[in-house]
Amino acid sequence: MAAEIILIVGSTGAGKTTYARRLAEELGGVRFSIDEWMTTLFWADSPQPLEFAWTMERIARCEAQIFAMVRQLAAHGVPALLDLGFTTKEHRDKFRALAAEVGLSVAVHFIDVPADERWQRVNRRNQERGETYAMQVDRQMFDFMDAMWEPPLEAEWLDGGGLRVDGSGRL
């Protein structure tokens, strides 16, 4: 049986959104991207400079609503692909626990790309502002997120039929 929830895991600039879009199309699933939710719902009202606590409170609200929708999708046999950052093991564990509470299966798809290549991708995305562009990510933000990044242990992405995806995002 395929996973009902797929956690798309990788650090900033790894290609999570591009990969999630392609996989959602292939599986007939629904993709949730935290960057899209945050920019659509809150970006215009965000304090400047951006405040970490303000941001995290709104991310938590989005994630709660996203998970409620994931449960509805699972009831109809539709897989959910979560592009929510998953920067830390604690964050990934939280979603595994939520899924376990309601009997949903989870797989981790880990996109592993070296930091220098990810920074080049972020710069390109900032300049091109293509379909995966949600917000400007400067070097300070990139470094802040990279310092928090906890790559998944092999057991995390092997468990539940997950996989490690090369830097090109190919399946």
N, C-alpha and C. Protein backbone atom coordinates (compact mmCIF):
# COMPACT_ATOMS: atom_id res chain seq x y z
N MET A 1 0.84 -1.20 0.00
CA MET A 1 0.00 0.00 0.00
C MET A 1 0.88 1.25 0.00
N ALA A 2 0.57 2.21 -0.83
CA ALA A 2 1.32 3.47 -0.89
C ALA A 2 0.99 4.31 0.35
N ALA A 3 1.94 5.14 0.72
CA ALA A 3 1.75 6.02 1.89
C ALA A 3 0.62 7.01 1.62
N GLU A 4 -0.13 7.29 2.66
CA GLU A 4 -1.21 8.27 2.56
C GLU A 4 -0.67 9.69 2.70
N ILE A 5 0.47 9.81 3.40
CA ILE A 5 1.14 11.10 3.58
C ILE A 5 2.60 10.94 3.19
N ILE A 6 3.08 11.85 2.36
CA ILE A 6 4.49 11.85 1.99
C ILE A 6 5.09 13.16 2.48
N LEU A 7 6.09 13.05 3.34
CA LEU A 7 6.81 14.22 3.83
C LEU A 7 7.95 14.48 2.85
N ILE A 8 7.97 15.66 2.25
CA ILE A 8 9.03 16.04 1.33
C ILE A 8 10.07 16.78 2.17
N VAL A 9 11.26 16.18 2.30
CA VAL A 9 12.27 16.67 3.22
C VAL A 9 13.53 17.08 2.47
N GLY A 10 14.03 18.25 2.79
CA GLY A 10 15.28 18.75 2.23
C GLY A 10 15.48 20.16 2.73
N SER A 11 16.71 20.62 2.73
CA SER A 11 16.98 21.97 3.21
C SER A 11 16.60 23.00 2.16
N THR A 12 16.71 24.26 2.50
CA THR A 12 16.35 25.36 1.62
C THR A 12 17.07 25.24 0.28
N GLY A 13 16.29 25.28 -0.80
CA GLY A 13 16.86 25.22 -2.14
C GLY A 13 17.11 23.83 -2.67
N ALA A 14 16.69 22.81 -1.95
CA ALA A 14 16.93 21.43 -2.39
C ALA A 14 16.07 21.04 -3.59
N GLY A 15 14.95 21.73 -3.77
CA GLY A 15 14.05 21.39 -4.86
C GLY A 15 12.79 20.69 -4.39
N LYS A 16 12.42 20.91 -3.13
CA LYS A 16 11.26 20.23 -2.55
C LYS A 16 9.97 20.53 -3.30
N THR A 17 9.74 21.80 -3.59
CA THR A 17 8.48 22.18 -4.23
C THR A 17 8.40 21.64 -5.65
N THR A 18 9.49 21.73 -6.39
CA THR A 18 9.51 21.19 -7.75
C THR A 18 9.24 19.69 -7.73
N TYR A 19 9.91 19.00 -6.83
CA TYR A 19 9.73 17.56 -6.70
C TYR A 19 8.29 17.23 -6.29
N ALA A 20 7.77 17.96 -5.29
CA ALA A 20 6.41 17.70 -4.80
C ALA A 20 5.37 17.92 -5.90
N ARG A 21 5.57 18.94 -6.71
CA ARG A 21 4.63 19.20 -7.81
C ARG A 21 4.61 18.02 -8.78
N ARG A 22 5.78 17.56 -9.15
CA ARG A 22 5.88 16.45 -10.11
C ARG A 22 5.29 15.17 -9.52
N LEU A 23 5.61 14.89 -8.26
CA LEU A 23 5.13 13.67 -7.62
C LEU A 23 3.61 13.70 -7.41
N ALA A 24 3.07 14.86 -7.04
CA ALA A 24 1.62 14.98 -6.86
C ALA A 24 0.89 14.68 -8.16
N GLU A 25 1.44 15.18 -9.24
CA GLU A 25 0.84 14.93 -10.57
C GLU A 25 0.89 13.44 -10.88
N GLU A 26 2.03 12.84 -10.64
CA GLU A 26 2.23 11.42 -10.93
C GLU A 26 1.31 10.52 -10.09
N LEU A 27 1.13 10.87 -8.82
CA LEU A 27 0.34 10.04 -7.91
C LEU A 27 -1.15 10.41 -7.88
N GLY A 28 -1.49 11.54 -8.47
CA GLY A 28 -2.86 12.02 -8.35
C GLY A 28 -3.14 12.50 -6.93
N GLY A 29 -2.11 13.04 -6.30
CA GLY A 29 -2.22 13.51 -4.92
C GLY A 29 -2.37 15.02 -4.85
N VAL A 30 -2.50 15.50 -3.62
CA VAL A 30 -2.63 16.93 -3.37
C VAL A 30 -1.39 17.38 -2.59
N ARG A 31 -0.81 18.47 -3.07
CA ARG A 31 0.42 19.01 -2.50
C ARG A 31 0.10 20.23 -1.64
N PHE A 32 0.76 20.28 -0.49
CA PHE A 32 0.65 21.43 0.40
C PHE A 32 2.04 22.01 0.61
N SER A 33 2.21 23.29 0.24
CA SER A 33 3.49 23.97 0.40
C SER A 33 3.34 25.09 1.41
N ILE A 34 4.08 25.03 2.49
CA ILE A 34 3.96 26.03 3.55
C ILE A 34 4.32 27.42 3.04
N ASP A 35 5.28 27.53 2.13
CA ASP A 35 5.64 28.85 1.60
C ASP A 35 4.45 29.49 0.89
N GLU A 36 3.72 28.71 0.12
CA GLU A 36 2.56 29.26 -0.59
C GLU A 36 1.47 29.68 0.39
N TRP A 37 1.21 28.87 1.39
CA TRP A 37 0.20 29.21 2.39
C TRP A 37 0.59 30.49 3.12
N MET A 38 1.83 30.55 3.58
CA MET A 38 2.27 31.72 4.36
C MET A 38 2.26 33.00 3.52
N THR A 39 2.75 32.94 2.29
CA THR A 39 2.76 34.16 1.48
C THR A 39 1.35 34.60 1.12
N THR A 40 0.48 33.65 0.82
CA THR A 40 -0.90 33.99 0.47
C THR A 40 -1.68 34.55 1.66
N LEU A 41 -1.56 33.90 2.79
CA LEU A 41 -2.39 34.28 3.94
C LEU A 41 -1.81 35.40 4.80
N PHE A 42 -0.49 35.47 4.93
CA PHE A 42 0.08 36.35 5.95
C PHE A 42 1.14 37.33 5.49
N TRP A 43 1.75 37.11 4.34
CA TRP A 43 2.92 37.91 3.96
C TRP A 43 2.62 39.41 3.94
N ALA A 44 1.48 39.81 3.41
CA ALA A 44 1.15 41.23 3.31
C ALA A 44 1.02 41.89 4.68
N ASP A 45 0.72 41.11 5.71
CA ASP A 45 0.53 41.64 7.06
C ASP A 45 1.72 41.42 7.98
N SER A 46 2.80 40.88 7.45
CA SER A 46 3.94 40.51 8.30
C SER A 46 4.69 41.74 8.80
N PRO A 47 5.16 41.65 10.05
CA PRO A 47 5.95 42.77 10.58
C PRO A 47 7.30 42.84 9.88
N GLN A 48 7.82 44.05 9.77
CA GLN A 48 9.14 44.24 9.19
C GLN A 48 10.02 44.93 10.22
N PRO A 49 11.16 44.38 10.58
CA PRO A 49 11.66 43.12 10.06
C PRO A 49 10.82 41.94 10.56
N LEU A 50 10.91 40.85 9.84
CA LEU A 50 10.14 39.65 10.15
C LEU A 50 10.50 39.16 11.55
N GLU A 51 9.50 38.78 12.32
CA GLU A 51 9.71 38.29 13.69
C GLU A 51 9.49 36.78 13.71
N PHE A 52 10.46 36.07 14.29
CA PHE A 52 10.43 34.60 14.33
C PHE A 52 9.17 34.09 15.02
N ALA A 53 8.84 34.62 16.21
CA ALA A 53 7.67 34.14 16.96
C ALA A 53 6.38 34.37 16.18
N TRP A 54 6.26 35.53 15.55
CA TRP A 54 5.08 35.86 14.74
C TRP A 54 4.93 34.83 13.62
N THR A 55 6.04 34.53 12.95
CA THR A 55 6.04 33.59 11.83
C THR A 55 5.68 32.19 12.30
N MET A 56 6.29 31.73 13.37
CA MET A 56 6.06 30.37 13.83
C MET A 56 4.62 30.15 14.28
N GLU A 57 4.00 31.16 14.89
CA GLU A 57 2.60 31.04 15.29
C GLU A 57 1.71 30.82 14.07
N ARG A 58 1.97 31.53 13.01
CA ARG A 58 1.16 31.41 11.80
C ARG A 58 1.45 30.11 11.06
N ILE A 59 2.68 29.68 11.08
CA ILE A 59 3.00 28.37 10.49
C ILE A 59 2.23 27.28 11.22
N ALA A 60 2.18 27.35 12.54
CA ALA A 60 1.45 26.35 13.33
C ALA A 60 -0.03 26.33 12.95
N ARG A 61 -0.62 27.49 12.73
CA ARG A 61 -2.03 27.56 12.32
C ARG A 61 -2.23 26.90 10.96
N CYS A 62 -1.33 27.22 10.03
CA CYS A 62 -1.42 26.63 8.69
C CYS A 62 -1.29 25.12 8.76
N GLU A 63 -0.31 24.65 9.53
CA GLU A 63 -0.09 23.21 9.62
C GLU A 63 -1.29 22.48 10.22
N ALA A 64 -1.94 23.09 11.20
CA ALA A 64 -3.14 22.47 11.79
C ALA A 64 -4.24 22.34 10.74
N GLN A 65 -4.44 23.37 9.95
CA GLN A 65 -5.46 23.33 8.90
C GLN A 65 -5.08 22.35 7.80
N ILE A 66 -3.80 22.34 7.44
CA ILE A 66 -3.33 21.40 6.43
C ILE A 66 -3.58 19.97 6.88
N PHE A 67 -3.26 19.67 8.15
CA PHE A 67 -3.44 18.30 8.61
C PHE A 67 -4.92 17.92 8.63
N ALA A 68 -5.79 18.86 8.95
CA ALA A 68 -7.23 18.58 8.90
C ALA A 68 -7.64 18.21 7.47
N MET A 69 -7.08 18.89 6.50
CA MET A 69 -7.38 18.59 5.10
C MET A 69 -6.77 17.25 4.68
N VAL A 70 -5.59 16.94 5.19
CA VAL A 70 -4.94 15.66 4.90
C VAL A 70 -5.84 14.51 5.34
N ARG A 71 -6.43 14.64 6.51
CA ARG A 71 -7.33 13.60 7.01
C ARG A 71 -8.52 13.41 6.08
N GLN A 72 -9.08 14.50 5.57
CA GLN A 72 -10.21 14.41 4.64
C GLN A 72 -9.78 13.73 3.33
N LEU A 73 -8.61 14.09 2.84
CA LEU A 73 -8.11 13.48 1.61
C LEU A 73 -7.90 11.98 1.79
N ALA A 74 -7.31 11.60 2.92
CA ALA A 74 -7.04 10.19 3.19
C ALA A 74 -8.35 9.39 3.21
N ALA A 75 -9.41 9.98 3.73
CA ALA A 75 -10.71 9.31 3.77
C ALA A 75 -11.23 9.01 2.37
N HIS A 76 -10.72 9.74 1.38
CA HIS A 76 -11.13 9.54 -0.02
C HIS A 76 -10.05 8.85 -0.84
N GLY A 77 -9.00 8.36 -0.16
CA GLY A 77 -7.95 7.64 -0.85
C GLY A 77 -7.00 8.50 -1.66
N VAL A 78 -6.92 9.78 -1.32
CA VAL A 78 -6.06 10.71 -2.05
C VAL A 78 -4.81 10.98 -1.23
N PRO A 79 -3.62 10.69 -1.77
CA PRO A 79 -2.39 10.95 -1.01
C PRO A 79 -2.11 12.45 -0.86
N ALA A 80 -1.49 12.81 0.25
CA ALA A 80 -1.11 14.19 0.52
C ALA A 80 0.41 14.29 0.54
N LEU A 81 0.94 15.26 -0.17
CA LEU A 81 2.37 15.51 -0.21
C LEU A 81 2.63 16.80 0.55
N LEU A 82 3.39 16.68 1.62
CA LEU A 82 3.60 17.82 2.51
C LEU A 82 4.98 18.42 2.30
N ASP A 83 5.00 19.60 1.72
CA ASP A 83 6.20 20.40 1.49
C ASP A 83 6.19 21.50 2.55
N LEU A 84 6.46 21.09 3.79
CA LEU A 84 6.34 22.00 4.93
C LEU A 84 7.68 22.36 5.55
N GLY A 85 8.74 22.11 4.85
CA GLY A 85 10.07 22.42 5.38
C GLY A 85 10.70 21.21 6.03
N PHE A 86 10.12 20.76 7.13
CA PHE A 86 10.63 19.60 7.86
C PHE A 86 12.13 19.71 8.10
N THR A 87 12.54 20.87 8.59
CA THR A 87 13.94 21.18 8.82
C THR A 87 14.54 20.35 9.95
N THR A 88 13.72 19.99 10.94
CA THR A 88 14.23 19.26 12.10
C THR A 88 13.56 17.89 12.23
N LYS A 89 14.25 17.01 12.91
CA LYS A 89 13.68 15.69 13.20
C LYS A 89 12.43 15.84 14.05
N GLU A 90 12.45 16.77 14.98
CA GLU A 90 11.28 17.01 15.84
C GLU A 90 10.04 17.35 15.01
N HIS A 91 10.20 18.16 13.99
CA HIS A 91 9.08 18.53 13.13
C HIS A 91 8.57 17.32 12.36
N ARG A 92 9.48 16.52 11.83
CA ARG A 92 9.08 15.30 11.11
C ARG A 92 8.39 14.32 12.06
N ASP A 93 8.93 14.17 13.26
CA ASP A 93 8.34 13.28 14.26
C ASP A 93 6.93 13.73 14.64
N LYS A 94 6.72 15.05 14.72
CA LYS A 94 5.39 15.58 15.06
C LYS A 94 4.37 15.10 14.03
N PHE A 95 4.71 15.17 12.75
CA PHE A 95 3.76 14.76 11.72
C PHE A 95 3.60 13.25 11.66
N ARG A 96 4.66 12.51 11.96
CA ARG A 96 4.52 11.05 12.06
C ARG A 96 3.55 10.69 13.19
N ALA A 97 3.69 11.38 14.32
CA ALA A 97 2.82 11.11 15.47
C ALA A 97 1.37 11.48 15.16
N LEU A 98 1.15 12.63 14.52
CA LEU A 98 -0.21 13.02 14.14
C LEU A 98 -0.83 11.96 13.23
N ALA A 99 -0.05 11.49 12.27
CA ALA A 99 -0.54 10.47 11.35
C ALA A 99 -0.86 9.18 12.09
N ALA A 100 0.04 8.77 12.98
CA ALA A 100 -0.17 7.53 13.73
C ALA A 100 -1.44 7.60 14.58
N GLU A 101 -1.72 8.77 15.17
CA GLU A 101 -2.91 8.94 16.01
C GLU A 101 -4.20 8.64 15.25
N VAL A 102 -4.19 8.91 13.94
CA VAL A 102 -5.40 8.70 13.16
C VAL A 102 -5.26 7.54 12.16
N GLY A 103 -4.19 6.76 12.32
CA GLY A 103 -4.02 5.55 11.53
C GLY A 103 -3.60 5.76 10.08
N LEU A 104 -2.87 6.84 9.80
CA LEU A 104 -2.41 7.10 8.44
C LEU A 104 -0.95 6.71 8.28
N SER A 105 -0.60 6.21 7.10
CA SER A 105 0.78 5.81 6.84
C SER A 105 1.58 7.00 6.31
N VAL A 106 2.88 7.00 6.63
CA VAL A 106 3.77 8.11 6.27
C VAL A 106 5.02 7.57 5.61
N ALA A 107 5.48 8.28 4.57
CA ALA A 107 6.78 7.99 3.96
C ALA A 107 7.54 9.31 3.85
N VAL A 108 8.85 9.23 3.98
CA VAL A 108 9.72 10.40 3.83
C VAL A 108 10.45 10.29 2.50
N HIS A 109 10.37 11.36 1.71
CA HIS A 109 11.17 11.47 0.50
C HIS A 109 12.20 12.56 0.77
N PHE A 110 13.45 12.15 0.88
CA PHE A 110 14.55 13.02 1.26
C PHE A 110 15.33 13.47 0.03
N ILE A 111 15.33 14.77 -0.22
CA ILE A 111 16.07 15.34 -1.35
C ILE A 111 17.38 15.88 -0.80
N ASP A 112 18.46 15.26 -1.20
CA ASP A 112 19.78 15.54 -0.66
C ASP A 112 20.62 16.31 -1.68
N VAL A 113 20.89 17.58 -1.39
CA VAL A 113 21.65 18.44 -2.29
C VAL A 113 22.67 19.21 -1.46
N PRO A 114 23.92 19.29 -1.91
CA PRO A 114 24.95 20.04 -1.17
C PRO A 114 24.59 21.53 -1.02
N ALA A 115 25.05 22.14 0.06
CA ALA A 115 24.71 23.53 0.38
C ALA A 115 25.09 24.51 -0.73
N ASP A 116 26.25 24.36 -1.33
CA ASP A 116 26.66 25.32 -2.36
C ASP A 116 25.73 25.27 -3.57
N GLU A 117 25.28 24.09 -3.95
CA GLU A 117 24.33 23.96 -5.06
C GLU A 117 22.97 24.53 -4.68
N ARG A 118 22.54 24.30 -3.44
CA ARG A 118 21.26 24.83 -2.98
C ARG A 118 21.28 26.36 -3.00
N TRP A 119 22.38 26.97 -2.56
CA TRP A 119 22.47 28.44 -2.56
C TRP A 119 22.40 28.97 -3.99
N GLN A 120 23.04 28.30 -4.95
CA GLN A 120 22.96 28.70 -6.36
C GLN A 120 21.52 28.63 -6.85
N ARG A 121 20.81 27.59 -6.46
CA ARG A 121 19.40 27.44 -6.86
C ARG A 121 18.55 28.56 -6.28
N VAL A 122 18.79 28.89 -5.00
CA VAL A 122 18.03 29.95 -4.35
C VAL A 122 18.29 31.28 -5.06
N ASN A 123 19.52 31.58 -5.37
CA ASN A 123 19.85 32.81 -6.10
C ASN A 123 19.12 32.86 -7.44
N ARG A 124 19.14 31.75 -8.16
CA ARG A 124 18.47 31.68 -9.46
C ARG A 124 16.96 31.88 -9.29
N ARG A 125 16.39 31.23 -8.28
CA ARG A 125 14.95 31.39 -8.02
C ARG A 125 14.62 32.84 -7.66
N ASN A 126 15.46 33.48 -6.85
CA ASN A 126 15.25 34.88 -6.48
C ASN A 126 15.22 35.77 -7.72
N GLN A 127 16.10 35.50 -8.67
CA GLN A 127 16.20 36.32 -9.88
C GLN A 127 15.09 36.03 -10.87
N GLU A 128 14.80 34.76 -11.09
CA GLU A 128 13.83 34.38 -12.11
C GLU A 128 12.38 34.52 -11.66
N ARG A 129 12.14 34.34 -10.37
CA ARG A 129 10.79 34.44 -9.80
C ARG A 129 9.78 33.60 -10.59
N GLY A 130 10.18 32.35 -10.82
CA GLY A 130 9.34 31.41 -11.57
C GLY A 130 8.23 30.83 -10.71
N GLU A 131 7.70 29.69 -11.15
CA GLU A 131 6.52 29.11 -10.51
C GLU A 131 6.75 28.62 -9.09
N THR A 132 8.00 28.34 -8.69
CA THR A 132 8.24 27.90 -7.32
C THR A 132 8.69 29.05 -6.41
N TYR A 133 8.76 30.26 -6.94
CA TYR A 133 9.16 31.41 -6.13
C TYR A 133 8.00 31.82 -5.23
N ALA A 134 8.27 31.90 -3.93
CA ALA A 134 7.25 32.35 -2.99
C ALA A 134 7.68 33.63 -2.29
N MET A 135 8.98 33.74 -2.02
CA MET A 135 9.50 34.92 -1.33
C MET A 135 11.00 35.03 -1.58
N GLN A 136 11.52 36.22 -1.40
CA GLN A 136 12.95 36.45 -1.53
C GLN A 136 13.67 35.80 -0.35
N VAL A 137 14.67 35.01 -0.65
CA VAL A 137 15.49 34.37 0.39
C VAL A 137 16.91 34.91 0.23
N ASP A 138 17.32 35.74 1.19
CA ASP A 138 18.68 36.28 1.11
C ASP A 138 19.65 35.33 1.80
N ARG A 139 20.93 35.65 1.72
CA ARG A 139 21.95 34.76 2.28
C ARG A 139 21.79 34.58 3.79
N GLN A 140 21.40 35.64 4.48
CA GLN A 140 21.22 35.55 5.93
C GLN A 140 20.10 34.56 6.28
N MET A 141 18.98 34.62 5.55
CA MET A 141 17.88 33.69 5.80
C MET A 141 18.30 32.27 5.44
N PHE A 142 19.00 32.12 4.31
CA PHE A 142 19.48 30.81 3.89
C PHE A 142 20.38 30.21 4.97
N ASP A 143 21.34 30.99 5.46
CA ASP A 143 22.27 30.50 6.48
C ASP A 143 21.55 30.18 7.79
N PHE A 144 20.55 30.99 8.15
CA PHE A 144 19.77 30.76 9.36
C PHE A 144 19.07 29.41 9.27
N MET A 145 18.40 29.17 8.14
CA MET A 145 17.69 27.90 7.95
C MET A 145 18.66 26.73 7.87
N ASP A 146 19.79 26.94 7.21
CA ASP A 146 20.77 25.87 7.05
C ASP A 146 21.37 25.47 8.40
N ALA A 147 21.53 26.43 9.29
CA ALA A 147 22.07 26.13 10.63
C ALA A 147 21.09 25.27 11.43
N MET A 148 19.80 25.38 11.14
CA MET A 148 18.79 24.59 11.85
C MET A 148 18.58 23.21 11.22
N TRP A 149 19.05 23.01 9.99
CA TRP A 149 18.79 21.81 9.20
C TRP A 149 19.36 20.56 9.87
N GLU A 150 18.49 19.58 10.04
CA GLU A 150 18.86 18.26 10.56
C GLU A 150 18.48 17.23 9.50
N PRO A 151 19.46 16.79 8.70
CA PRO A 151 19.14 15.78 7.68
C PRO A 151 18.52 14.54 8.33
N PRO A 152 17.59 13.91 7.65
CA PRO A 152 16.98 12.72 8.24
C PRO A 152 17.98 11.57 8.32
N LEU A 153 17.85 10.80 9.37
CA LEU A 153 18.64 9.58 9.50
C LEU A 153 18.14 8.60 8.46
N GLU A 154 18.98 7.70 8.05
CA GLU A 154 18.60 6.73 7.03
C GLU A 154 17.31 6.00 7.41
N ALA A 155 17.16 5.67 8.68
CA ALA A 155 15.96 4.95 9.13
C ALA A 155 14.70 5.77 8.89
N GLU A 156 14.79 7.10 8.94
CA GLU A 156 13.61 7.94 8.71
C GLU A 156 13.10 7.82 7.28
N TRP A 157 13.99 7.86 6.31
CA TRP A 157 13.51 7.82 4.93
C TRP A 157 13.36 6.41 4.39
N LEU A 158 13.92 5.42 5.04
CA LEU A 158 13.68 4.04 4.62
C LEU A 158 12.38 3.50 5.19
N ASP A 159 12.00 4.00 6.37
CA ASP A 159 10.78 3.54 7.04
C ASP A 159 9.55 3.95 6.22
N GLY A 160 8.60 3.07 6.10
CA GLY A 160 7.33 3.38 5.45
C GLY A 160 7.41 3.51 3.94
N GLY A 161 8.46 2.97 3.34
CA GLY A 161 8.57 3.02 1.89
C GLY A 161 9.09 4.35 1.36
N GLY A 162 9.75 5.13 2.20
CA GLY A 162 10.31 6.39 1.75
C GLY A 162 11.53 6.16 0.88
N LEU A 163 12.13 7.24 0.44
CA LEU A 163 13.30 7.12 -0.40
C LEU A 163 14.16 8.36 -0.34
N ARG A 164 15.39 8.19 -0.80
CA ARG A 164 16.32 9.30 -0.93
C ARG A 164 16.37 9.65 -2.41
N VAL A 165 16.16 10.93 -2.71
CA VAL A 165 16.09 11.40 -4.08
C VAL A 165 17.38 12.16 -4.38
N ASP A 166 17.97 11.92 -5.56
CA ASP A 166 19.20 12.64 -5.87
C ASP A 166 18.90 14.12 -6.10
N GLY A 167 19.94 14.92 -6.19
CA GLY A 167 19.81 16.37 -6.29
C GLY A 167 19.04 16.87 -7.49
N SER A 168 18.85 16.03 -8.50
CA SER A 168 18.10 16.44 -9.67
C SER A 168 16.59 16.35 -9.42
N GLY A 169 16.20 15.68 -8.33
CA GLY A 169 14.78 15.52 -8.04
C GLY A 169 14.15 14.39 -8.83
N ARG A 170 14.97 13.54 -9.47
CA ARG A 170 14.42 12.42 -10.25
C ARG A 170 13.96 11.31 -9.31
N LEU A 171 12.91 10.64 -9.70
CA LEU A 171 12.40 9.51 -8.92
C LEU A 171 13.23 8.28 -9.19
